[in-house]
Amino acid sequence: MKVLVPVKRVIDYNVKVRVKADGSGVDLANVKMSMNPFDEIAVEQAIRLKEAGTVEEIIVVSIGVKQAQETLRTALAMGADRAILIVAAEDVHNDIEPLAVAKLLKAVVEAEAPGLVLCGKQAIDNDMNATGQMLAALLGWSQATFASELAIEGDKAVVTREVDGGLQTINVAMPTVVTVDLRLNEPRYASLPNIMKAKKKPLEEKTAADYGVDVTPRLTVVKTVEPAGRKAGIKVASVDELIAKLKDEAGVL
């Protein structure tokens, strides 16, 4: 069985995001970029499935700018077998919207015929949480979101999901799309020998036009602002004073 893992190049989660002075977007100049953490978890899970003998080949795909090659090489160094880069933007500030990404991934799935697609539940830059669900809908496949445990049993995937009320375990028919959550695993670090080997692994470069998909944005960013700073807290002497402040000042009661 093949596994397809989409990965996205995002601002590193350790970096403090800065907004441009004119409010037109986020400043990406000289900013460290890395693989989306949820996608990294998806790559790790695919590798574990291969180590268990369930999976034969891991294909990673990234959609965006040419610089995403670095992200794909990271996934290859972790243990993926080959990579596909779909160049769909020239400017790093142009984010490809989830529907366009899902359409491109659908075309890749039809070409590669994987039995499983493992996605991060969301990207940490736009927090859309939509691509995996859209892909499943376009393919007509089953889906399992927010996975914290995953096992393949024959022609079914057993997935434990993190839901508002706790945990939910479901069986979904293969092929399927699974979006992964933080507690599924802890990604490995790529060793130096594997980093060197990754340079020789195949990385195919395509364009959105090759798949006949229009990636023209449907949304326009009007303005970007930083969130308001958190105000200092106060101490109260009693429960009665707390209730009074919540009622009279905060207006939440």
Foldseek 3Di string as FASTA:
>chain_A
DEEEQEKEKDFPPVDDWDADPVQQGTDPPPTDIEIFVLSLLLLQVQQVCVVVVNHDAYEYEYEEAPVCVVHVLQSQLLPHQEYEYAHEDHDNRDDFDLLLVLLVVLLVCVVPVDFEYEYAQAGPPPRPSPNLVNNCVVNVAAEAEAFLEWDDDPQWIWTWHQDPVGIDIDIGGIPYYYHYHDNNDDRDGRDPVSSVVSVVRYYHYHYSVVSPGDRPDPDHDPGHDDDDDDDDDDDDDDPVVVVCCCVPPVVPD
